[in-house]
Amino acid sequence: MKKLIALLATLLVLAGCSSVSVDKYAGQKPALDLRSYFDGTIDGHGIFQDRSGEVVKRFHVVIDASWQGDTGTLDERFTYSDGTTQRRVWTLTSLGSGRYTGRAGDVVGVAQGEAAGNALRWRYVMALPVDGKVYEVDFDDWMFLMDDQVMLNRSAMSKWGVHLGDVTLSFYKRK
């Protein structure tokens, strides 16, 4: 019985580590060009859901985005449903072949991004303040371009492999 429980636990851990490759979306249209989409002003509306699925926060974000060569800047200004605000400034670097890196003040280390077809996957660790403490949380962040103005974003948050919640966003690029 102990061996069966150990085998099931191992399978659950391995299943939690597997994921879809961004290459799965290589043939999907419209093709996502980060420099083109994240250039100008983008509005976003989103929610944060805890691991039970309860919506614990809603927010609006306005992103002012621009590129100089291979370096992009995303200046994000958040307004949350509880009235609080937050600003995050990302610096993105295109490495070619659909690969990107990103840095922001509350991102621990360097975010790694891969794009293919209409999809972009970001993986990073964010320092999140919660109740007076700061926790380093893993983000598995997927974005899907729907058309030239709309992109959908879903981020799974975890700590030590334990799922904490999800962030869901819809972006709308102003013309």
C-alpha atoms as a PDB file:
ATOM      1  CA  MET A   1       0.000   0.000   0.000  1.00  0.00           C
ATOM      2  CA  LYS A   2       2.845   2.412   0.835  1.00  0.00           C
ATOM      3  CA  LYS A   3       4.396   1.762  -2.590  1.00  0.00           C
ATOM      4  CA  LEU A   4       1.079   2.534  -4.302  1.00  0.00           C
ATOM      5  CA  ILE A   5       0.713   5.810  -2.395  1.00  0.00           C
ATOM      6  CA  ALA A   6       4.325   6.758  -3.233  1.00  0.00           C
ATOM      7  CA  LEU A   7       3.733   5.947  -6.923  1.00  0.00           C
ATOM      8  CA  LEU A   8       0.540   8.020  -7.030  1.00  0.00           C
ATOM      9  CA  ALA A   9       2.264  10.941  -5.295  1.00  0.00           C
ATOM     10  CA  THR A  10       5.142  10.772  -7.800  1.00  0.00           C
ATOM     11  CA  LEU A  11       2.714  10.723 -10.738  1.00  0.00           C
ATOM     12  CA  LEU A  12       0.853  13.750  -9.359  1.00  0.00           C
ATOM     13  CA  VAL A  13       4.108  15.676  -8.973  1.00  0.00           C
ATOM     14  CA  LEU A  14       5.228  14.764 -12.489  1.00  0.00           C
ATOM     15  CA  ALA A  15       1.834  15.700 -13.947  1.00  0.00           C
ATOM     16  CA  GLY A  16       2.084  19.087 -12.246  1.00  0.00           C
ATOM     17  CA  CYS A  17       5.488  19.679 -13.867  1.00  0.00           C
ATOM     18  CA  SER A  18       4.376  18.939 -17.422  1.00  0.00           C
ATOM     19  CA  SER A  19       3.083  21.673 -19.639  1.00  0.00           C
ATOM     20  CA  VAL A  20       2.299  22.556 -23.219  1.00  0.00           C
ATOM     21  CA  SER A  21       5.156  23.898 -25.314  1.00  0.00           C
ATOM     22  CA  VAL A  22       4.651  27.298 -26.955  1.00  0.00           C
ATOM     23  CA  ASP A  23       5.640  25.584 -30.226  1.00  0.00           C
ATOM     24  CA  LYS A  24       2.239  23.868 -30.166  1.00  0.00           C
ATOM     25  CA  TYR A  25       0.795  27.236 -31.326  1.00  0.00           C
ATOM     26  CA  ALA A  26       3.348  27.942 -34.083  1.00  0.00           C
ATOM     27  CA  GLY A  27       0.744  27.608 -36.851  1.00  0.00           C
ATOM     28  CA  GLN A  28      -1.929  29.705 -35.140  1.00  0.00           C
ATOM     29  CA  LYS A  29      -3.001  33.037 -36.603  1.00  0.00           C
ATOM     30  CA  PRO A  30      -2.847  35.950 -36.250  1.00  0.00           C
ATOM     31  CA  ALA A  31       0.892  35.819 -35.624  1.00  0.00           C
ATOM     32  CA  LEU A  32       1.902  37.687 -32.482  1.00  0.00           C
ATOM     33  CA  ASP A  33       4.548  40.356 -33.011  1.00  0.00           C
ATOM     34  CA  LEU A  34       5.329  41.743 -29.548  1.00  0.00           C
ATOM     35  CA  ARG A  35       6.851  44.931 -30.956  1.00  0.00           C
ATOM     36  CA  SER A  36       3.737  45.662 -32.956  1.00  0.00           C
ATOM     37  CA  TYR A  37       1.134  44.776 -30.321  1.00  0.00           C
ATOM     38  CA  PHE A  38       2.941  46.363 -27.379  1.00  0.00           C
ATOM     39  CA  ASP A  39       3.461  49.709 -29.081  1.00  0.00           C
ATOM     40  CA  GLY A  40       1.088  52.466 -27.980  1.00  0.00           C
ATOM     41  CA  THR A  41      -1.583  52.338 -25.281  1.00  0.00           C
ATOM     42  CA  ILE A  42      -3.232  49.109 -24.185  1.00  0.00           C
ATOM     43  CA  ASP A  43      -6.151  48.816 -21.752  1.00  0.00           C
ATOM     44  CA  GLY A  44      -6.605  45.684 -19.684  1.00  0.00           C
ATOM     45  CA  HIS A  45      -9.257  44.366 -17.336  1.00  0.00           C
ATOM     46  CA  GLY A  46      -8.582  41.421 -15.093  1.00  0.00           C
ATOM     47  CA  ILE A  47      -9.331  39.317 -12.063  1.00  0.00           C
ATOM     48  CA  PHE A  48      -7.315  37.387  -9.517  1.00  0.00           C
ATOM     49  CA  GLN A  49      -8.840  34.089  -8.373  1.00  0.00           C
ATOM     50  CA  ASP A  50      -7.544  32.133  -5.400  1.00  0.00           C
ATOM     51  CA  ARG A  51      -6.984  28.383  -5.626  1.00  0.00           C
ATOM     52  CA  SER A  52     -10.673  27.702  -4.847  1.00  0.00           C
ATOM     53  CA  GLY A  53     -11.726  29.855  -7.829  1.00  0.00           C
ATOM     54  CA  GLU A  54     -13.078  32.765  -5.777  1.00  0.00           C
ATOM     55  CA  VAL A  55     -12.479  36.169  -7.364  1.00  0.00           C
ATOM     56  CA  VAL A  56     -10.621  38.096  -4.667  1.00  0.00           C
ATOM     57  CA  LYS A  57      -9.593  41.135  -6.708  1.00  0.00           C
ATOM     58  CA  ARG A  58     -10.586  42.910  -9.898  1.00  0.00           C
ATOM     59  CA  PHE A  59      -8.420  45.470 -11.664  1.00  0.00           C
ATOM     60  CA  HIS A  60      -7.923  47.773 -14.629  1.00  0.00           C
ATOM     61  CA  VAL A  61      -4.476  48.372 -16.125  1.00  0.00           C
ATOM     62  CA  VAL A  62      -3.311  50.934 -18.657  1.00  0.00           C
ATOM     63  CA  ILE A  63      -0.056  50.095 -20.413  1.00  0.00           C
ATOM     64  CA  ASP A  64       2.019  52.674 -22.265  1.00  0.00           C
ATOM     65  CA  ALA A  65       4.353  50.645 -24.468  1.00  0.00           C
ATOM     66  CA  SER A  66       7.190  51.519 -26.815  1.00  0.00           C
ATOM     67  CA  TRP A  67      10.270  49.973 -28.418  1.00  0.00           C
ATOM     68  CA  GLN A  68      13.729  51.271 -29.243  1.00  0.00           C
ATOM     69  CA  GLY A  69      15.417  48.644 -31.393  1.00  0.00           C
ATOM     70  CA  ASP A  70      15.345  45.323 -29.517  1.00  0.00           C
ATOM     71  CA  THR A  71      14.362  46.915 -26.181  1.00  0.00           C
ATOM     72  CA  GLY A  72      10.746  47.476 -25.188  1.00  0.00           C
ATOM     73  CA  THR A  73       9.270  49.365 -22.250  1.00  0.00           C
ATOM     74  CA  LEU A  74       5.855  48.522 -20.800  1.00  0.00           C
ATOM     75  CA  ASP A  75       4.756  51.096 -18.224  1.00  0.00           C
ATOM     76  CA  GLU A  76       1.809  49.464 -16.425  1.00  0.00           C
ATOM     77  CA  ARG A  77      -0.520  51.419 -14.108  1.00  0.00           C
ATOM     78  CA  PHE A  78      -2.985  49.290 -12.142  1.00  0.00           C
ATOM     79  CA  THR A  79      -6.140  50.384 -10.333  1.00  0.00           C
ATOM     80  CA  TYR A  80      -7.651  47.671  -8.124  1.00  0.00           C
ATOM     81  CA  SER A  81     -11.261  47.185  -7.030  1.00  0.00           C
ATOM     82  CA  ASP A  82     -10.327  48.092  -3.451  1.00  0.00           C
ATOM     83  CA  GLY A  83      -9.067  51.512  -4.616  1.00  0.00           C
ATOM     84  CA  THR A  84      -5.350  50.761  -4.364  1.00  0.00           C
ATOM     85  CA  THR A  85      -2.975  51.503  -7.233  1.00  0.00           C
ATOM     86  CA  GLN A  86       0.294  50.032  -8.422  1.00  0.00           C
ATOM     87  CA  ARG A  87       2.869  50.766 -11.099  1.00  0.00           C
ATOM     88  CA  ARG A  88       5.168  48.226 -12.751  1.00  0.00           C
ATOM     89  CA  VAL A  89       7.633  49.068 -15.514  1.00  0.00           C
ATOM     90  CA  TRP A  90       8.852  46.155 -17.610  1.00  0.00           C
ATOM     91  CA  THR A  91      11.970  46.315 -19.762  1.00  0.00           C
ATOM     92  CA  LEU A  92      11.791  43.662 -22.468  1.00  0.00           C
ATOM     93  CA  THR A  93      14.645  42.510 -24.684  1.00  0.00           C
ATOM     94  CA  SER A  94      14.151  40.628 -27.936  1.00  0.00           C
ATOM     95  CA  LEU A  95      16.781  37.890 -28.289  1.00  0.00           C
ATOM     96  CA  GLY A  96      15.559  36.819 -31.735  1.00  0.00           C
ATOM     97  CA  SER A  97      13.861  33.589 -32.808  1.00  0.00           C
ATOM     98  CA  GLY A  98      10.790  34.409 -30.684  1.00  0.00           C
ATOM     99  CA  ARG A  99      12.744  34.540 -27.418  1.00  0.00           C
ATOM    100  CA  TYR A 100      12.539  37.440 -24.959  1.00  0.00           C
ATOM    101  CA  THR A 101      13.761  38.423 -21.528  1.00  0.00           C
ATOM    102  CA  GLY A 102      12.062  40.831 -19.174  1.00  0.00           C
ATOM    103  CA  ARG A 103      12.879  42.738 -16.010  1.00  0.00           C
ATOM    104  CA  ALA A 104      10.714  44.716 -13.589  1.00  0.00           C
ATOM    105  CA  GLY A 105      11.215  46.069 -10.075  1.00  0.00           C
ATOM    106  CA  ASP A 106       9.180  43.329  -8.395  1.00  0.00           C
ATOM    107  CA  VAL A 107      10.395  40.484 -10.623  1.00  0.00           C
ATOM    108  CA  VAL A 108      13.092  38.358  -9.022  1.00  0.00           C
ATOM    109  CA  GLY A 109      15.849  37.763 -11.562  1.00  0.00           C
ATOM    110  CA  VAL A 110      14.955  37.709 -15.248  1.00  0.00           C
ATOM    111  CA  ALA A 111      11.675  36.673 -16.859  1.00  0.00           C
ATOM    112  CA  GLN A 112      12.019  34.263 -19.773  1.00  0.00           C
ATOM    113  CA  GLY A 113       9.633  34.481 -22.715  1.00  0.00           C
ATOM    114  CA  GLU A 114       8.964  32.424 -25.823  1.00  0.00           C
ATOM    115  CA  ALA A 115       6.602  33.314 -28.661  1.00  0.00           C
ATOM    116  CA  ALA A 116       5.249  31.160 -31.477  1.00  0.00           C
ATOM    117  CA  GLY A 117       2.221  31.722 -33.691  1.00  0.00           C
ATOM    118  CA  ASN A 118      -0.354  33.703 -31.724  1.00  0.00           C
ATOM    119  CA  ALA A 119       1.038  32.731 -28.297  1.00  0.00           C
ATOM    120  CA  LEU A 120       3.569  34.071 -25.815  1.00  0.00           C
ATOM    121  CA  ARG A 121       4.659  32.271 -22.663  1.00  0.00           C
ATOM    122  CA  TRP A 122       6.403  34.133 -19.841  1.00  0.00           C
ATOM    123  CA  ARG A 123       7.931  32.413 -16.831  1.00  0.00           C
ATOM    124  CA  TYR A 124       9.155  34.446 -13.892  1.00  0.00           C
ATOM    125  CA  VAL A 125       9.237  34.842 -10.129  1.00  0.00           C
ATOM    126  CA  MET A 126       7.495  37.850  -8.619  1.00  0.00           C
ATOM    127  CA  ALA A 127       7.931  39.283  -5.134  1.00  0.00           C
ATOM    128  CA  LEU A 128       4.316  39.672  -3.936  1.00  0.00           C
ATOM    129  CA  PRO A 129       3.477  41.579  -0.764  1.00  0.00           C
ATOM    130  CA  VAL A 130       0.715  39.882   1.252  1.00  0.00           C
ATOM    131  CA  ASP A 131      -0.331  41.001   4.731  1.00  0.00           C
ATOM    132  CA  GLY A 132       2.972  42.725   5.494  1.00  0.00           C
ATOM    133  CA  LYS A 133       5.169  39.898   4.177  1.00  0.00           C
ATOM    134  CA  VAL A 134       6.737  39.423   0.740  1.00  0.00           C
ATOM    135  CA  TYR A 135       6.483  36.032  -0.966  1.00  0.00           C
ATOM    136  CA  GLU A 136       8.377  34.926  -4.064  1.00  0.00           C
ATOM    137  CA  VAL A 137       5.740  33.376  -6.329  1.00  0.00           C
ATOM    138  CA  ASP A 138       6.241  31.519  -9.618  1.00  0.00           C
ATOM    139  CA  PHE A 139       4.198  32.770 -12.585  1.00  0.00           C
ATOM    140  CA  ASP A 140       3.452  30.730 -15.711  1.00  0.00           C
ATOM    141  CA  ASP A 141       1.999  33.441 -17.919  1.00  0.00           C
ATOM    142  CA  TRP A 142       0.326  32.752 -21.295  1.00  0.00           C
ATOM    143  CA  MET A 143      -0.876  35.391 -23.752  1.00  0.00           C
ATOM    144  CA  PHE A 144      -2.902  34.688 -26.907  1.00  0.00           C
ATOM    145  CA  LEU A 145      -3.432  37.260 -29.664  1.00  0.00           C
ATOM    146  CA  MET A 146      -7.048  37.126 -30.849  1.00  0.00           C
ATOM    147  CA  ASP A 147      -6.886  39.910 -33.457  1.00  0.00           C
ATOM    148  CA  ASP A 148      -4.930  43.138 -33.986  1.00  0.00           C
ATOM    149  CA  GLN A 149      -6.536  44.740 -30.913  1.00  0.00           C
ATOM    150  CA  VAL A 150      -7.452  41.956 -28.454  1.00  0.00           C
ATOM    151  CA  MET A 151      -5.139  39.686 -26.492  1.00  0.00           C
ATOM    152  CA  LEU A 152      -6.123  37.286 -23.699  1.00  0.00           C
ATOM    153  CA  ASN A 153      -3.782  36.517 -20.812  1.00  0.00           C
ATOM    154  CA  ARG A 154      -3.870  33.795 -18.154  1.00  0.00           C
ATOM    155  CA  SER A 155      -1.279  33.394 -15.429  1.00  0.00           C
ATOM    156  CA  ALA A 156      -1.023  30.450 -13.078  1.00  0.00           C
ATOM    157  CA  MET A 157       0.621  31.290  -9.756  1.00  0.00           C
ATOM    158  CA  SER A 158       2.386  28.707  -7.605  1.00  0.00           C
ATOM    159  CA  LYS A 159       4.838  28.327  -4.749  1.00  0.00           C
ATOM    160  CA  TRP A 160       6.909  25.134  -4.348  1.00  0.00           C
ATOM    161  CA  GLY A 161       4.737  23.558  -7.034  1.00  0.00           C
ATOM    162  CA  VAL A 162       1.500  24.271  -5.132  1.00  0.00           C
ATOM    163  CA  HIS A 163      -1.114  26.142  -7.175  1.00  0.00           C
ATOM    164  CA  LEU A 164      -2.062  29.416  -5.443  1.00  0.00           C
ATOM    165  CA  GLY A 165      -4.414  31.008  -7.952  1.00  0.00           C
ATOM    166  CA  ASP A 166      -4.848  32.511 -11.400  1.00  0.00           C
ATOM    167  CA  VAL A 167      -4.829  35.934 -12.992  1.00  0.00           C
ATOM    168  CA  THR A 168      -7.018  36.385 -16.084  1.00  0.00           C
ATOM    169  CA  LEU A 169      -6.794  39.509 -18.259  1.00  0.00           C
ATOM    170  CA  SER A 170      -8.193  40.827 -21.484  1.00  0.00           C
ATOM    171  CA  PHE A 171      -6.128  43.457 -23.296  1.00  0.00           C
ATOM    172  CA  TYR A 172      -7.460  45.938 -25.817  1.00  0.00           C
ATOM    173  CA  LYS A 173      -5.038  47.968 -27.921  1.00  0.00           C
ATOM    174  CA  ARG A 174      -6.232  51.518 -28.574  1.00  0.00           C
ATOM    175  CA  LYS A 175      -6.049  52.693 -32.176  1.00  0.00           C
END
